[in-house]
N, C-alpha and C. Protein backbone atom coordinates (compact mmCIF):
# COMPACT_ATOMS: atom_id res chain seq x y z
N MET A 1 0.84 -1.19 0.00
CA MET A 1 0.00 0.00 0.00
C MET A 1 0.88 1.23 0.00
N ALA A 2 0.38 2.29 -0.65
CA ALA A 2 1.16 3.53 -0.68
C ALA A 2 1.24 4.10 0.72
N GLY A 3 2.31 4.87 0.97
CA GLY A 3 2.45 5.50 2.27
C GLY A 3 3.21 4.64 3.23
N SER A 4 3.52 5.18 4.38
CA SER A 4 4.31 4.47 5.38
C SER A 4 3.43 3.56 6.22
N VAL A 5 4.03 2.52 6.80
CA VAL A 5 3.33 1.60 7.66
C VAL A 5 3.27 2.19 9.06
N PRO A 6 2.10 2.25 9.68
CA PRO A 6 2.00 2.81 11.03
C PRO A 6 2.94 2.09 11.98
N PRO A 7 3.50 2.79 12.98
CA PRO A 7 4.45 2.19 13.93
C PRO A 7 3.90 0.97 14.63
N MET A 8 2.57 0.86 14.80
CA MET A 8 1.99 -0.28 15.50
C MET A 8 2.34 -1.60 14.82
N ALA A 9 2.69 -1.57 13.52
CA ALA A 9 3.02 -2.79 12.81
C ALA A 9 4.23 -3.47 13.39
N GLU A 10 5.12 -2.70 14.01
CA GLU A 10 6.36 -3.26 14.53
C GLU A 10 6.09 -4.17 15.73
N GLN A 11 4.96 -3.98 16.44
CA GLN A 11 4.67 -4.78 17.62
C GLN A 11 3.58 -5.82 17.37
N LEU A 12 2.93 -5.79 16.22
CA LEU A 12 1.78 -6.64 15.97
C LEU A 12 2.22 -8.02 15.50
N ASN A 13 1.83 -9.08 16.26
CA ASN A 13 2.13 -10.43 15.80
C ASN A 13 0.90 -11.03 15.16
N LEU A 14 1.04 -12.24 14.63
CA LEU A 14 -0.05 -12.85 13.88
C LEU A 14 -1.28 -13.10 14.75
N ARG A 15 -1.06 -13.58 15.96
CA ARG A 15 -2.19 -13.81 16.87
C ARG A 15 -2.95 -12.50 17.11
N ASP A 16 -2.20 -11.41 17.37
CA ASP A 16 -2.83 -10.11 17.62
C ASP A 16 -3.56 -9.62 16.37
N ALA A 17 -2.95 -9.84 15.20
CA ALA A 17 -3.55 -9.39 13.95
C ALA A 17 -4.90 -10.07 13.72
N LEU A 18 -4.95 -11.37 13.93
CA LEU A 18 -6.21 -12.10 13.77
C LEU A 18 -7.25 -11.62 14.79
N ALA A 19 -6.81 -11.38 16.01
CA ALA A 19 -7.72 -10.91 17.05
C ALA A 19 -8.29 -9.54 16.70
N ALA A 20 -7.44 -8.67 16.13
CA ALA A 20 -7.89 -7.32 15.74
C ALA A 20 -8.98 -7.38 14.67
N LEU A 21 -8.95 -8.44 13.88
CA LEU A 21 -9.96 -8.63 12.84
C LEU A 21 -11.15 -9.44 13.33
N GLY A 22 -11.15 -9.76 14.63
CA GLY A 22 -12.25 -10.51 15.21
C GLY A 22 -12.21 -11.99 14.89
N LEU A 23 -11.01 -12.52 14.60
CA LEU A 23 -10.86 -13.92 14.20
C LEU A 23 -10.15 -14.73 15.26
N ASP A 24 -10.44 -16.01 15.27
CA ASP A 24 -9.80 -16.93 16.19
C ASP A 24 -8.34 -17.16 15.78
N ALA A 25 -7.49 -17.45 16.74
CA ALA A 25 -6.06 -17.65 16.47
C ALA A 25 -5.80 -18.84 15.57
N ALA A 26 -6.77 -19.75 15.45
CA ALA A 26 -6.59 -20.94 14.61
C ALA A 26 -6.91 -20.68 13.14
N THR A 27 -7.35 -19.48 12.80
CA THR A 27 -7.72 -19.16 11.42
C THR A 27 -6.52 -19.30 10.49
N THR A 28 -6.71 -20.02 9.38
CA THR A 28 -5.65 -20.18 8.40
C THR A 28 -6.10 -19.82 6.98
N ASP A 29 -7.39 -19.58 6.80
CA ASP A 29 -7.95 -19.30 5.48
C ASP A 29 -7.85 -17.81 5.17
N VAL A 30 -7.08 -17.47 4.13
CA VAL A 30 -6.89 -16.06 3.75
C VAL A 30 -8.21 -15.43 3.31
N THR A 31 -9.09 -16.23 2.71
CA THR A 31 -10.39 -15.71 2.29
C THR A 31 -11.20 -15.25 3.48
N VAL A 32 -11.13 -15.99 4.57
CA VAL A 32 -11.83 -15.61 5.81
C VAL A 32 -11.25 -14.31 6.36
N VAL A 33 -9.92 -14.19 6.31
CA VAL A 33 -9.26 -12.97 6.77
C VAL A 33 -9.70 -11.78 5.93
N ARG A 34 -9.73 -11.96 4.61
CA ARG A 34 -10.15 -10.88 3.71
C ARG A 34 -11.57 -10.44 4.01
N SER A 35 -12.47 -11.40 4.19
CA SER A 35 -13.87 -11.07 4.45
C SER A 35 -14.02 -10.32 5.78
N ALA A 36 -13.27 -10.75 6.78
CA ALA A 36 -13.34 -10.08 8.08
C ALA A 36 -12.83 -8.64 7.97
N TYR A 37 -11.75 -8.45 7.24
CA TYR A 37 -11.20 -7.11 7.06
C TYR A 37 -12.20 -6.20 6.35
N LEU A 38 -12.77 -6.68 5.24
CA LEU A 38 -13.71 -5.87 4.48
C LEU A 38 -14.92 -5.48 5.33
N ALA A 39 -15.44 -6.44 6.08
CA ALA A 39 -16.60 -6.15 6.93
C ALA A 39 -16.26 -5.10 7.97
N ALA A 40 -15.05 -5.17 8.53
CA ALA A 40 -14.66 -4.24 9.58
C ALA A 40 -14.35 -2.84 9.02
N ILE A 41 -13.61 -2.78 7.92
CA ILE A 41 -13.16 -1.49 7.39
C ILE A 41 -14.33 -0.69 6.84
N ARG A 42 -15.36 -1.36 6.38
CA ARG A 42 -16.51 -0.65 5.82
C ARG A 42 -17.29 0.11 6.88
N THR A 43 -17.17 -0.28 8.13
CA THR A 43 -17.83 0.45 9.21
C THR A 43 -16.87 1.34 9.99
N ALA A 44 -15.59 0.99 9.98
CA ALA A 44 -14.61 1.74 10.77
C ALA A 44 -14.02 2.93 10.03
N HIS A 45 -13.98 2.88 8.69
CA HIS A 45 -13.30 3.93 7.94
C HIS A 45 -13.92 5.29 8.19
N PRO A 46 -13.09 6.34 8.34
CA PRO A 46 -13.61 7.68 8.64
C PRO A 46 -14.57 8.24 7.60
N ASP A 47 -14.55 7.72 6.38
CA ASP A 47 -15.54 8.15 5.39
C ASP A 47 -16.96 7.75 5.81
N ARG A 48 -17.05 6.72 6.66
CA ARG A 48 -18.36 6.22 7.07
C ARG A 48 -18.56 6.29 8.58
N ASN A 49 -17.52 6.64 9.31
CA ASN A 49 -17.59 6.66 10.76
C ASN A 49 -17.06 8.00 11.27
N ALA A 50 -17.90 8.74 11.94
CA ALA A 50 -17.52 10.09 12.40
C ALA A 50 -16.83 10.08 13.76
N ALA A 51 -16.63 8.90 14.35
CA ALA A 51 -15.99 8.83 15.66
C ALA A 51 -14.57 9.37 15.62
N ALA A 52 -14.13 9.94 16.73
CA ALA A 52 -12.81 10.57 16.78
C ALA A 52 -11.68 9.59 16.49
N GLY A 53 -11.85 8.34 16.86
CA GLY A 53 -10.78 7.36 16.67
C GLY A 53 -10.90 6.55 15.39
N ALA A 54 -11.73 6.98 14.47
CA ALA A 54 -11.97 6.19 13.25
C ALA A 54 -10.71 6.01 12.41
N THR A 55 -9.92 7.05 12.28
CA THR A 55 -8.70 6.95 11.46
C THR A 55 -7.72 5.95 12.05
N ALA A 56 -7.50 6.03 13.36
CA ALA A 56 -6.59 5.10 14.02
C ALA A 56 -7.11 3.67 13.95
N ALA A 57 -8.42 3.50 14.12
CA ALA A 57 -9.01 2.16 14.07
C ALA A 57 -8.86 1.57 12.68
N SER A 58 -9.06 2.39 11.66
CA SER A 58 -8.91 1.91 10.28
C SER A 58 -7.46 1.52 10.00
N ALA A 59 -6.53 2.34 10.50
CA ALA A 59 -5.11 2.04 10.28
C ALA A 59 -4.73 0.72 10.94
N ARG A 60 -5.24 0.48 12.14
CA ARG A 60 -4.92 -0.77 12.83
C ARG A 60 -5.50 -1.97 12.09
N LEU A 61 -6.72 -1.84 11.58
CA LEU A 61 -7.32 -2.92 10.82
C LEU A 61 -6.51 -3.23 9.57
N THR A 62 -6.05 -2.18 8.89
CA THR A 62 -5.27 -2.37 7.67
C THR A 62 -3.95 -3.07 7.97
N VAL A 63 -3.28 -2.65 9.05
CA VAL A 63 -2.02 -3.29 9.43
C VAL A 63 -2.26 -4.74 9.82
N ALA A 64 -3.34 -4.99 10.56
CA ALA A 64 -3.67 -6.36 10.96
C ALA A 64 -3.90 -7.23 9.74
N TYR A 65 -4.59 -6.69 8.75
CA TYR A 65 -4.84 -7.45 7.52
C TYR A 65 -3.52 -7.77 6.82
N ARG A 66 -2.63 -6.79 6.72
CA ARG A 66 -1.35 -7.02 6.07
C ARG A 66 -0.55 -8.11 6.78
N VAL A 67 -0.45 -8.00 8.09
CA VAL A 67 0.34 -8.95 8.87
C VAL A 67 -0.23 -10.36 8.72
N ALA A 68 -1.55 -10.49 8.88
CA ALA A 68 -2.17 -11.81 8.85
C ALA A 68 -2.06 -12.46 7.48
N THR A 69 -2.40 -11.72 6.43
CA THR A 69 -2.40 -12.34 5.10
C THR A 69 -0.99 -12.59 4.60
N ASP A 70 -0.06 -11.69 4.87
CA ASP A 70 1.32 -11.93 4.44
C ASP A 70 1.86 -13.21 5.09
N ALA A 71 1.58 -13.38 6.38
CA ALA A 71 2.10 -14.56 7.08
C ALA A 71 1.43 -15.83 6.59
N LEU A 72 0.12 -15.80 6.41
CA LEU A 72 -0.59 -17.01 6.01
C LEU A 72 -0.31 -17.38 4.56
N VAL A 73 -0.25 -16.37 3.67
CA VAL A 73 0.03 -16.65 2.26
C VAL A 73 1.44 -17.20 2.09
N ALA A 74 2.39 -16.59 2.78
CA ALA A 74 3.78 -17.03 2.65
C ALA A 74 4.03 -18.34 3.39
N GLY A 75 3.17 -18.67 4.34
CA GLY A 75 3.33 -19.88 5.11
C GLY A 75 4.54 -19.85 6.02
N VAL A 76 4.95 -18.63 6.42
CA VAL A 76 6.16 -18.52 7.23
C VAL A 76 5.87 -18.58 8.72
N ARG A 77 4.60 -18.53 9.13
CA ARG A 77 4.26 -18.61 10.54
C ARG A 77 2.96 -19.39 10.69
N THR A 78 2.83 -20.11 11.74
CA THR A 78 1.56 -20.74 12.05
C THR A 78 0.67 -19.72 12.74
N PRO A 79 -0.66 -19.89 12.66
CA PRO A 79 -1.55 -18.88 13.23
C PRO A 79 -1.38 -18.66 14.71
N ASP A 80 -0.87 -19.65 15.46
CA ASP A 80 -0.74 -19.45 16.91
C ASP A 80 0.64 -18.96 17.31
N SER A 81 1.43 -18.53 16.33
CA SER A 81 2.76 -18.03 16.63
C SER A 81 2.67 -16.71 17.38
N ASP A 82 3.53 -16.55 18.38
CA ASP A 82 3.58 -15.30 19.14
C ASP A 82 4.73 -14.42 18.70
N GLU A 83 5.48 -14.87 17.72
CA GLU A 83 6.63 -14.09 17.27
C GLU A 83 6.16 -12.81 16.58
N THR A 84 6.80 -11.71 16.89
CA THR A 84 6.43 -10.44 16.28
C THR A 84 6.76 -10.45 14.80
N LEU A 85 5.80 -9.99 14.00
CA LEU A 85 5.98 -9.94 12.55
C LEU A 85 5.90 -8.50 12.08
N ARG A 86 6.55 -8.22 10.97
CA ARG A 86 6.43 -6.93 10.32
C ARG A 86 5.79 -7.14 8.97
N PRO A 87 4.92 -6.22 8.54
CA PRO A 87 4.37 -6.34 7.19
C PRO A 87 5.51 -6.34 6.18
N ALA A 88 5.38 -7.12 5.13
CA ALA A 88 6.42 -7.18 4.12
C ALA A 88 6.51 -5.85 3.38
N ASP A 89 7.68 -5.57 2.86
CA ASP A 89 7.91 -4.35 2.10
C ASP A 89 7.11 -4.41 0.81
N ARG A 90 6.28 -3.38 0.57
CA ARG A 90 5.44 -3.37 -0.62
C ARG A 90 5.92 -2.39 -1.67
N THR A 91 7.18 -2.00 -1.60
CA THR A 91 7.67 -0.99 -2.54
C THR A 91 8.56 -1.57 -3.62
N ASN A 92 8.86 -2.87 -3.55
CA ASN A 92 9.82 -3.44 -4.48
C ASN A 92 9.21 -4.29 -5.58
N SER A 93 7.86 -4.41 -5.61
CA SER A 93 7.23 -5.17 -6.68
C SER A 93 7.42 -4.43 -7.99
N ALA A 94 7.58 -5.19 -9.07
CA ALA A 94 7.82 -4.55 -10.36
C ALA A 94 6.87 -5.12 -11.40
N VAL A 95 6.42 -4.26 -12.30
CA VAL A 95 5.58 -4.68 -13.41
C VAL A 95 6.48 -5.10 -14.56
N PRO A 96 6.27 -6.31 -15.14
CA PRO A 96 7.11 -6.71 -16.28
C PRO A 96 6.86 -5.84 -17.49
N LEU A 97 7.88 -5.18 -17.98
CA LEU A 97 7.77 -4.32 -19.14
C LEU A 97 8.70 -4.80 -20.23
N THR A 98 8.26 -4.67 -21.48
CA THR A 98 9.13 -4.96 -22.61
C THR A 98 10.25 -3.93 -22.63
N PRO A 99 11.53 -4.33 -22.81
CA PRO A 99 12.63 -3.37 -22.84
C PRO A 99 12.38 -2.25 -23.83
N ARG A 100 12.75 -1.02 -23.44
CA ARG A 100 12.55 0.12 -24.32
C ARG A 100 13.45 0.02 -25.55
N GLY A 101 12.93 0.47 -26.65
CA GLY A 101 13.68 0.44 -27.89
C GLY A 101 12.92 1.23 -28.94
N PRO A 102 13.22 1.04 -30.20
CA PRO A 102 12.55 1.79 -31.25
C PRO A 102 11.07 1.43 -31.39
N GLU A 103 10.70 0.20 -30.94
CA GLU A 103 9.31 -0.22 -31.01
C GLU A 103 8.55 0.29 -29.79
N PRO A 104 7.22 0.47 -29.88
CA PRO A 104 6.43 0.92 -28.74
C PRO A 104 6.57 -0.06 -27.57
N VAL A 105 6.56 0.49 -26.36
CA VAL A 105 6.64 -0.34 -25.16
C VAL A 105 5.29 -1.03 -24.94
N VAL A 106 5.32 -2.33 -24.72
CA VAL A 106 4.10 -3.10 -24.49
C VAL A 106 4.05 -3.48 -23.00
N ILE A 107 2.96 -3.11 -22.34
CA ILE A 107 2.79 -3.43 -20.93
C ILE A 107 1.89 -4.65 -20.81
N THR A 108 2.39 -5.67 -20.16
CA THR A 108 1.60 -6.89 -19.95
C THR A 108 1.37 -7.06 -18.45
N VAL A 109 0.14 -6.87 -18.04
CA VAL A 109 -0.21 -6.95 -16.62
C VAL A 109 -1.47 -7.81 -16.48
N ASP A 110 -1.40 -8.80 -15.62
CA ASP A 110 -2.53 -9.68 -15.39
C ASP A 110 -3.53 -9.00 -14.46
N VAL A 111 -4.79 -8.95 -14.88
CA VAL A 111 -5.88 -8.41 -14.08
C VAL A 111 -6.91 -9.53 -13.92
N ARG A 112 -7.16 -9.95 -12.67
CA ARG A 112 -8.07 -11.07 -12.43
C ARG A 112 -9.10 -10.72 -11.36
N VAL A 113 -10.31 -11.21 -11.52
CA VAL A 113 -11.32 -11.12 -10.47
C VAL A 113 -11.15 -12.36 -9.60
N ILE A 114 -10.77 -12.18 -8.33
CA ILE A 114 -10.49 -13.32 -7.45
C ILE A 114 -11.57 -13.54 -6.40
N ALA A 115 -12.54 -12.64 -6.33
CA ALA A 115 -13.69 -12.79 -5.44
C ALA A 115 -14.78 -11.88 -5.97
N ASP A 116 -15.99 -12.03 -5.44
CA ASP A 116 -17.10 -11.21 -5.94
C ASP A 116 -16.79 -9.72 -5.86
N ASP A 117 -15.99 -9.33 -4.86
CA ASP A 117 -15.72 -7.90 -4.65
C ASP A 117 -14.23 -7.57 -4.70
N THR A 118 -13.42 -8.44 -5.29
CA THR A 118 -11.97 -8.23 -5.26
C THR A 118 -11.32 -8.49 -6.60
N ILE A 119 -10.46 -7.55 -7.00
CA ILE A 119 -9.67 -7.66 -8.23
C ILE A 119 -8.21 -7.78 -7.84
N GLU A 120 -7.49 -8.64 -8.51
CA GLU A 120 -6.05 -8.76 -8.28
C GLU A 120 -5.31 -8.26 -9.52
N VAL A 121 -4.34 -7.37 -9.30
CA VAL A 121 -3.56 -6.79 -10.39
C VAL A 121 -2.09 -7.12 -10.17
N ALA A 122 -1.43 -7.62 -11.19
CA ALA A 122 -0.02 -8.00 -11.07
C ALA A 122 0.87 -6.78 -11.23
N ALA A 123 0.77 -5.89 -10.26
CA ALA A 123 1.54 -4.65 -10.26
C ALA A 123 1.57 -4.10 -8.85
N PRO A 124 2.53 -3.23 -8.54
CA PRO A 124 2.60 -2.64 -7.20
C PRO A 124 1.45 -1.66 -6.95
N PRO A 125 1.16 -1.36 -5.70
CA PRO A 125 0.01 -0.51 -5.35
C PRO A 125 0.01 0.87 -6.00
N ASP A 126 1.15 1.56 -6.00
CA ASP A 126 1.18 2.92 -6.55
C ASP A 126 0.76 2.95 -8.01
N LEU A 127 1.28 1.99 -8.79
CA LEU A 127 0.95 1.95 -10.21
C LEU A 127 -0.50 1.52 -10.41
N THR A 128 -0.94 0.54 -9.64
CA THR A 128 -2.33 0.09 -9.73
C THR A 128 -3.28 1.23 -9.39
N PHE A 129 -2.94 2.00 -8.36
CA PHE A 129 -3.79 3.12 -7.96
C PHE A 129 -3.90 4.14 -9.10
N ALA A 130 -2.77 4.45 -9.75
CA ALA A 130 -2.79 5.41 -10.86
C ALA A 130 -3.68 4.91 -11.99
N TRP A 131 -3.58 3.64 -12.32
CA TRP A 131 -4.43 3.07 -13.37
C TRP A 131 -5.90 3.10 -12.96
N LEU A 132 -6.17 2.83 -11.68
CA LEU A 132 -7.55 2.82 -11.20
C LEU A 132 -8.15 4.22 -11.25
N VAL A 133 -7.36 5.23 -10.94
CA VAL A 133 -7.85 6.61 -11.04
C VAL A 133 -8.22 6.93 -12.49
N GLN A 134 -7.36 6.53 -13.43
CA GLN A 134 -7.67 6.74 -14.84
C GLN A 134 -8.96 6.04 -15.22
N THR A 135 -9.12 4.82 -14.75
CA THR A 135 -10.33 4.06 -15.04
C THR A 135 -11.55 4.76 -14.45
N GLY A 136 -11.40 5.31 -13.23
CA GLY A 136 -12.50 6.02 -12.60
C GLY A 136 -12.97 7.20 -13.41
N HIS A 137 -12.03 7.90 -14.03
CA HIS A 137 -12.40 9.05 -14.88
C HIS A 137 -13.12 8.60 -16.15
N VAL A 138 -12.85 7.39 -16.59
CA VAL A 138 -13.48 6.87 -17.81
C VAL A 138 -14.91 6.41 -17.53
N VAL A 139 -15.11 5.68 -16.45
CA VAL A 139 -16.43 5.07 -16.19
C VAL A 139 -17.36 5.96 -15.37
N GLY A 140 -16.82 6.99 -14.73
CA GLY A 140 -17.65 7.86 -13.90
C GLY A 140 -16.92 9.13 -13.53
N ASP A 141 -17.20 9.64 -12.35
CA ASP A 141 -16.55 10.85 -11.85
C ASP A 141 -15.81 10.53 -10.55
N VAL A 142 -14.53 10.87 -10.49
CA VAL A 142 -13.75 10.67 -9.28
C VAL A 142 -14.16 11.74 -8.28
N THR A 143 -14.70 11.34 -7.13
CA THR A 143 -15.18 12.29 -6.13
C THR A 143 -14.27 12.39 -4.92
N PHE A 144 -13.38 11.41 -4.73
CA PHE A 144 -12.44 11.45 -3.61
C PHE A 144 -11.30 10.49 -3.89
N LEU A 145 -10.08 10.93 -3.54
CA LEU A 145 -8.95 10.01 -3.60
C LEU A 145 -7.94 10.38 -2.52
N ASP A 146 -7.33 9.36 -1.97
CA ASP A 146 -6.32 9.53 -0.94
C ASP A 146 -5.19 8.56 -1.27
N ARG A 147 -4.14 9.09 -1.88
CA ARG A 147 -3.04 8.22 -2.32
C ARG A 147 -2.33 7.56 -1.14
N SER A 148 -2.18 8.30 -0.04
CA SER A 148 -1.46 7.74 1.11
C SER A 148 -2.20 6.57 1.72
N ALA A 149 -3.54 6.60 1.68
CA ALA A 149 -4.34 5.50 2.22
C ALA A 149 -4.77 4.53 1.13
N ALA A 150 -4.42 4.84 -0.13
CA ALA A 150 -4.80 4.00 -1.27
C ALA A 150 -6.31 3.77 -1.32
N LEU A 151 -7.06 4.86 -1.18
CA LEU A 151 -8.52 4.82 -1.23
C LEU A 151 -9.01 5.70 -2.37
N LEU A 152 -9.97 5.21 -3.12
CA LEU A 152 -10.53 5.96 -4.24
C LEU A 152 -12.05 5.82 -4.21
N GLN A 153 -12.74 6.94 -4.48
CA GLN A 153 -14.20 6.93 -4.54
C GLN A 153 -14.64 7.53 -5.86
N ILE A 154 -15.59 6.88 -6.53
CA ILE A 154 -16.12 7.42 -7.77
C ILE A 154 -17.64 7.38 -7.74
N LEU A 155 -18.24 8.24 -8.55
CA LEU A 155 -19.69 8.26 -8.73
C LEU A 155 -19.94 7.77 -10.16
N VAL A 156 -20.79 6.76 -10.29
CA VAL A 156 -21.01 6.17 -11.61
C VAL A 156 -22.48 5.86 -11.81
N ALA A 157 -22.97 6.08 -13.03
CA ALA A 157 -24.35 5.76 -13.39
C ALA A 157 -24.33 4.67 -14.44
N PHE A 158 -24.82 3.49 -14.09
CA PHE A 158 -24.90 2.38 -15.03
C PHE A 158 -26.20 2.47 -15.82
N VAL A 159 -26.21 1.91 -17.03
CA VAL A 159 -27.42 1.90 -17.86
C VAL A 159 -28.52 1.12 -17.15
N ASP A 160 -29.69 1.74 -17.04
CA ASP A 160 -30.86 1.12 -16.40
C ASP A 160 -30.64 0.80 -14.92
N GLU A 161 -29.66 1.43 -14.31
CA GLU A 161 -29.37 1.22 -12.88
C GLU A 161 -29.28 2.58 -12.20
N PRO A 162 -29.38 2.62 -10.86
CA PRO A 162 -29.29 3.90 -10.16
C PRO A 162 -27.87 4.45 -10.16
N VAL A 163 -27.77 5.74 -9.88
CA VAL A 163 -26.44 6.34 -9.69
C VAL A 163 -25.86 5.76 -8.40
N CYS A 164 -24.61 5.34 -8.48
CA CYS A 164 -24.00 4.66 -7.35
C CYS A 164 -22.66 5.27 -6.97
N GLN A 165 -22.32 5.09 -5.71
CA GLN A 165 -21.00 5.47 -5.20
C GLN A 165 -20.18 4.21 -5.01
N MET A 166 -18.98 4.21 -5.59
CA MET A 166 -18.08 3.06 -5.45
C MET A 166 -16.84 3.49 -4.68
N ILE A 167 -16.40 2.63 -3.78
CA ILE A 167 -15.17 2.87 -3.01
C ILE A 167 -14.21 1.72 -3.28
N PHE A 168 -12.96 2.05 -3.57
CA PHE A 168 -11.93 1.06 -3.82
C PHE A 168 -10.83 1.20 -2.78
N ASP A 169 -10.47 0.08 -2.17
CA ASP A 169 -9.43 0.04 -1.15
C ASP A 169 -8.35 -0.91 -1.65
N LEU A 170 -7.11 -0.41 -1.79
CA LEU A 170 -6.02 -1.20 -2.35
C LEU A 170 -5.12 -1.76 -1.26
N GLN A 171 -4.70 -3.01 -1.46
CA GLN A 171 -3.77 -3.66 -0.54
C GLN A 171 -2.69 -4.37 -1.35
N GLY A 172 -1.43 -4.01 -1.12
CA GLY A 172 -0.33 -4.68 -1.80
C GLY A 172 -0.08 -6.06 -1.21
N ARG A 173 0.19 -7.01 -2.06
CA ARG A 173 0.50 -8.37 -1.64
C ARG A 173 1.93 -8.68 -2.04
N ALA A 174 2.88 -8.36 -1.19
CA ALA A 174 4.30 -8.50 -1.51
C ALA A 174 4.69 -9.94 -1.80
N ALA A 175 4.06 -10.88 -1.12
CA ALA A 175 4.42 -12.29 -1.32
C ALA A 175 4.15 -12.74 -2.75
N ARG A 176 3.18 -12.10 -3.40
CA ARG A 176 2.84 -12.48 -4.78
C ARG A 176 3.21 -11.40 -5.78
N GLY A 177 3.67 -10.25 -5.30
CA GLY A 177 4.00 -9.15 -6.21
C GLY A 177 2.77 -8.58 -6.89
N THR A 178 1.63 -8.59 -6.18
CA THR A 178 0.37 -8.12 -6.76
C THR A 178 -0.30 -7.11 -5.83
N THR A 179 -1.39 -6.53 -6.32
CA THR A 179 -2.21 -5.63 -5.52
C THR A 179 -3.66 -6.09 -5.59
N GLU A 180 -4.32 -6.14 -4.44
CA GLU A 180 -5.74 -6.47 -4.39
C GLU A 180 -6.54 -5.18 -4.32
N VAL A 181 -7.58 -5.10 -5.13
CA VAL A 181 -8.48 -3.96 -5.15
C VAL A 181 -9.83 -4.43 -4.62
N PHE A 182 -10.20 -3.96 -3.42
CA PHE A 182 -11.48 -4.32 -2.82
C PHE A 182 -12.52 -3.29 -3.28
N CYS A 183 -13.67 -3.78 -3.73
CA CYS A 183 -14.70 -2.90 -4.28
C CYS A 183 -15.96 -2.93 -3.41
N THR A 184 -16.52 -1.77 -3.16
CA THR A 184 -17.82 -1.69 -2.51
C THR A 184 -18.68 -0.73 -3.32
N ILE A 185 -19.99 -0.93 -3.28
CA ILE A 185 -20.90 -0.08 -4.05
C ILE A 185 -22.15 0.18 -3.23
N ASP A 186 -22.62 1.43 -3.29
CA ASP A 186 -23.85 1.83 -2.60
C ASP A 186 -24.66 2.72 -3.54
N SER A 187 -25.94 2.46 -3.64
CA SER A 187 -26.82 3.30 -4.44
C SER A 187 -27.10 4.60 -3.69
N ILE A 188 -27.15 5.72 -4.41
CA ILE A 188 -27.52 6.98 -3.78
C ILE A 188 -28.97 7.34 -4.12
N GLU A 189 -29.66 6.39 -4.75
CA GLU A 189 -31.08 6.55 -5.05
C GLU A 189 -31.89 5.58 -4.20
N ASP A 190 -33.19 5.56 -4.41
CA ASP A 190 -34.06 4.67 -3.65
C ASP A 190 -34.02 3.24 -4.19
N ARG A 191 -33.43 3.06 -5.36
CA ARG A 191 -33.30 1.71 -5.93
C ARG A 191 -32.01 1.06 -5.46
N PRO A 192 -31.99 -0.27 -5.36
CA PRO A 192 -30.77 -0.96 -4.92
C PRO A 192 -29.67 -0.91 -5.96
N ALA A 193 -28.44 -0.99 -5.50
CA ALA A 193 -27.28 -1.02 -6.40
C ALA A 193 -27.24 -2.34 -7.15
N PRO A 194 -26.60 -2.38 -8.31
CA PRO A 194 -26.45 -3.65 -9.03
C PRO A 194 -25.58 -4.61 -8.25
N PRO A 195 -25.62 -5.90 -8.58
CA PRO A 195 -24.83 -6.90 -7.85
C PRO A 195 -23.34 -6.58 -7.87
N ILE A 196 -22.68 -6.75 -6.74
CA ILE A 196 -21.27 -6.40 -6.63
C ILE A 196 -20.40 -7.23 -7.55
N ASP A 197 -20.76 -8.51 -7.79
CA ASP A 197 -19.92 -9.33 -8.66
C ASP A 197 -19.92 -8.81 -10.10
N ALA A 198 -21.08 -8.35 -10.57
CA ALA A 198 -21.18 -7.80 -11.92
C ALA A 198 -20.39 -6.50 -12.03
N VAL A 199 -20.48 -5.67 -10.99
CA VAL A 199 -19.76 -4.39 -11.00
C VAL A 199 -18.25 -4.62 -10.93
N THR A 200 -17.82 -5.59 -10.13
CA THR A 200 -16.40 -5.89 -10.03
C THR A 200 -15.84 -6.34 -11.37
N ARG A 201 -16.58 -7.20 -12.07
CA ARG A 201 -16.14 -7.64 -13.41
C ARG A 201 -16.07 -6.46 -14.36
N PHE A 202 -17.06 -5.56 -14.27
CA PHE A 202 -17.09 -4.37 -15.12
C PHE A 202 -15.85 -3.52 -14.89
N ILE A 203 -15.51 -3.26 -13.64
CA ILE A 203 -14.34 -2.45 -13.32
C ILE A 203 -13.06 -3.16 -13.77
N ALA A 204 -12.98 -4.47 -13.57
CA ALA A 204 -11.80 -5.22 -13.97
C ALA A 204 -11.56 -5.13 -15.47
N GLU A 205 -12.63 -5.24 -16.24
CA GLU A 205 -12.50 -5.15 -17.70
C GLU A 205 -12.00 -3.78 -18.12
N HIS A 206 -12.56 -2.73 -17.52
CA HIS A 206 -12.14 -1.38 -17.89
C HIS A 206 -10.73 -1.08 -17.38
N LEU A 207 -10.38 -1.64 -16.23
CA LEU A 207 -9.03 -1.46 -15.72
C LEU A 207 -8.01 -2.12 -16.64
N ALA A 208 -8.33 -3.31 -17.14
CA ALA A 208 -7.45 -3.99 -18.08
C ALA A 208 -7.29 -3.19 -19.37
N GLU A 209 -8.37 -2.56 -19.82
CA GLU A 209 -8.30 -1.73 -21.02
C GLU A 209 -7.41 -0.50 -20.78
N THR A 210 -7.55 0.11 -19.60
CA THR A 210 -6.72 1.26 -19.25
C THR A 210 -5.23 0.89 -19.26
N ILE A 211 -4.91 -0.26 -18.68
CA ILE A 211 -3.51 -0.71 -18.62
C ILE A 211 -3.00 -1.00 -20.02
N SER A 212 -3.80 -1.67 -20.84
CA SER A 212 -3.38 -2.00 -22.21
C SER A 212 -3.14 -0.76 -23.05
N ALA A 213 -3.93 0.30 -22.77
CA ALA A 213 -3.79 1.54 -23.53
C ALA A 213 -2.52 2.28 -23.18
N GLY A 214 -1.89 1.88 -22.07
CA GLY A 214 -0.62 2.51 -21.66
C GLY A 214 -0.82 3.85 -21.02
């Protein structure tokens, strides 16, 4: 994720990280961890929570998610380990690029839908965020962005659907050299928003087009 890791990451171990997400220490399923994080961040984030401690609570949830998923994906710690862990460095992932020369540079980046509300991009967070902002301008109107928190909000009107607000939360996955884009959608009209899985596929397709266009 863009920006610095909060100091609390230096003291957070895997057991504590799972507990912060409301999970049992025996949890080993990364999908369960992801679902717990998304459920928590959607209510804790200061965009949706006016409480004075919302920013700190969101930061702790994000660090807990990083610590837990990095450890479980890499398989370097068991869930009941008490050893202190640090989130992996997310600044060294690289996008494979064709060497520069007289021919146009071709960017090849894998974009996959890995859950109903999650897109995985084979690129570091900063670059993925830039592409997502471009995509947001294409499909709707960018109404809020925070590069340091890797959060983006857009307003979009789908054909035959209500005007909706979409929020994207990016998480770098250093163990795989990828970035996960979590998607949420809320209708601002009296009609319900379209299904999140359909919207996620829609965004993934347009994001892939943005990347291909260079």
